[in-house]
Every structure is written in structure tokens, then in C-alpha cells.
Amino acid sequence: MPRFDQLIHRNTAYLAVTSLIGLVAFVGGLLMLLTSSGSWLGVVMGAMGVLWLIATVHHVLLAREAPPSPGAGAPRARVRGRPTAVTS
């Protein structure tokens, strides 16, 4: 899983696009509350769906680049039915 510094490193386009979509969702939410309109609810839900999709793809791509964390891939042993890392 990528760390926070990996999420923002060299990702200005990601930050700009997601910030813009977040702003659209925020304004849509305010307008939804002020006008009691279901159309603005659709805008908010659509923006949230797009943000979720972008974030998921972004995290998957970063996870492929990230070096494995310490202990990743270590053999597991079962102790009282629960998996634990094998220590040597």
C-alpha cells in the first residue's frame, strides 16, 4: 500500500483533477441543500463515483511501483487457528 508521500509525489495532475471534481461535488452538495433538487444529488453521486474510480486506479498503479514492505511474502504459520508470521 502506498504511503501518503508516495501519493502526492509527481502527481500534480492527479491532485488537480481530483480537487476540481471535489469542488464540483461540494458546490453540487450546497446547491442540492439549497434547492432540494434531486438533479444536484445526481451530480454529487456522479462526482463521488468518478473520484472513487480515479482513486482506485491511482492506488493500484502506485501499489505496482511501490517496493514490497518488510515482511511481505514471509511464510505464515498457524497458531491457535490464526495466521502469524514465522520468525527464525
Protein backbone atom coordinates (compact mmCIF):
# COMPACT_ATOMS: atom_id res chain seq x y z
CA MET A 1 0.00 0.00 0.00
CA PRO A 2 1.48 3.37 -0.95
CA ARG A 3 2.33 5.87 1.77
CA PHE A 4 0.99 9.43 1.75
CA ASP A 5 4.24 10.90 0.42
CA GLN A 6 4.07 8.44 -2.49
CA LEU A 7 0.50 9.52 -3.24
CA ILE A 8 1.45 13.15 -3.79
CA HIS A 9 4.95 12.70 -5.26
CA ARG A 10 4.92 13.51 -9.02
CA ASN A 11 1.12 13.52 -9.08
CA THR A 12 0.17 17.13 -9.63
CA ALA A 13 -2.28 16.20 -12.39
CA TYR A 14 -3.97 13.69 -10.06
CA LEU A 15 -4.24 16.31 -7.31
CA ALA A 16 -5.54 18.98 -9.69
CA VAL A 17 -8.18 16.74 -11.28
CA THR A 18 -9.42 15.26 -8.02
CA SER A 19 -9.51 18.70 -6.39
CA LEU A 20 -11.59 20.05 -9.26
CA ILE A 21 -14.00 17.11 -9.09
CA GLY A 22 -14.18 17.54 -5.30
CA LEU A 23 -15.06 21.20 -5.78
CA VAL A 24 -17.83 20.21 -8.22
CA ALA A 25 -19.16 17.74 -5.62
CA PHE A 26 -19.04 20.39 -2.89
CA VAL A 27 -20.87 23.00 -4.95
CA GLY A 28 -23.36 20.38 -6.09
CA GLY A 29 -23.98 19.42 -2.47
CA LEU A 30 -24.58 23.01 -1.46
CA LEU A 31 -26.96 23.56 -4.37
CA MET A 32 -28.72 20.30 -3.55
CA LEU A 33 -29.34 21.51 0.00
CA LEU A 34 -30.42 24.99 -1.06
CA THR A 35 -32.75 23.93 -3.88
CA SER A 36 -33.87 20.50 -2.63
CA SER A 37 -33.18 19.21 -6.12
CA GLY A 38 -32.60 15.60 -6.99
CA SER A 39 -30.59 16.65 -10.02
CA TRP A 40 -27.85 18.07 -7.82
CA LEU A 41 -27.86 14.85 -5.81
CA GLY A 42 -27.07 13.09 -9.09
CA VAL A 43 -24.17 15.48 -9.65
CA VAL A 44 -22.79 14.76 -6.17
CA MET A 45 -23.17 11.00 -6.58
CA GLY A 46 -21.60 11.09 -10.04
CA ALA A 47 -18.63 13.12 -8.77
CA MET A 48 -18.16 10.71 -5.87
CA GLY A 49 -18.24 7.75 -8.24
CA VAL A 50 -15.64 9.34 -10.51
CA LEU A 51 -13.44 10.20 -7.51
CA TRP A 52 -13.69 6.62 -6.26
CA LEU A 53 -12.74 5.23 -9.67
CA ILE A 54 -9.79 7.61 -10.10
CA ALA A 55 -8.51 6.92 -6.57
CA THR A 56 -8.80 3.15 -7.04
CA VAL A 57 -6.87 3.19 -10.31
CA HIS A 58 -4.27 5.54 -8.83
CA HIS A 59 -3.70 3.32 -5.80
CA VAL A 60 -3.42 0.18 -7.93
CA LEU A 61 -0.82 1.82 -10.16
CA LEU A 62 1.16 3.06 -7.15
CA ALA A 63 1.00 -0.34 -5.46
CA ARG A 64 2.65 -1.87 -8.53
CA GLU A 65 5.51 0.67 -8.30
CA ALA A 66 5.99 0.57 -4.53
CA PRO A 67 8.73 -1.63 -3.11
CA PRO A 68 7.43 -4.51 -1.00
CA SER A 69 7.02 -3.72 2.66
CA PRO A 70 9.25 -5.53 5.18
CA GLY A 71 7.94 -8.99 5.85
CA ALA A 72 5.88 -9.12 2.66
CA GLY A 73 5.76 -12.63 1.30
CA ALA A 74 7.08 -14.15 4.52
CA PRO A 75 5.80 -17.65 5.21
CA ARG A 76 2.86 -17.82 7.59
CA ALA A 77 2.29 -20.35 10.36
CA ARG A 78 -0.94 -21.05 12.20
CA VAL A 79 -1.08 -20.55 15.94
CA ARG A 80 -4.40 -21.49 17.51
CA GLY A 81 -6.17 -21.07 14.18
CA ARG A 82 -4.82 -17.60 13.46
CA PRO A 83 -2.13 -16.95 10.83
CA THR A 84 1.07 -15.40 12.19
CA ALA A 85 4.42 -14.60 10.64
CA VAL A 86 7.08 -17.26 11.03
CA THR A 87 10.10 -15.95 12.89
CA SER A 88 13.51 -17.52 12.53
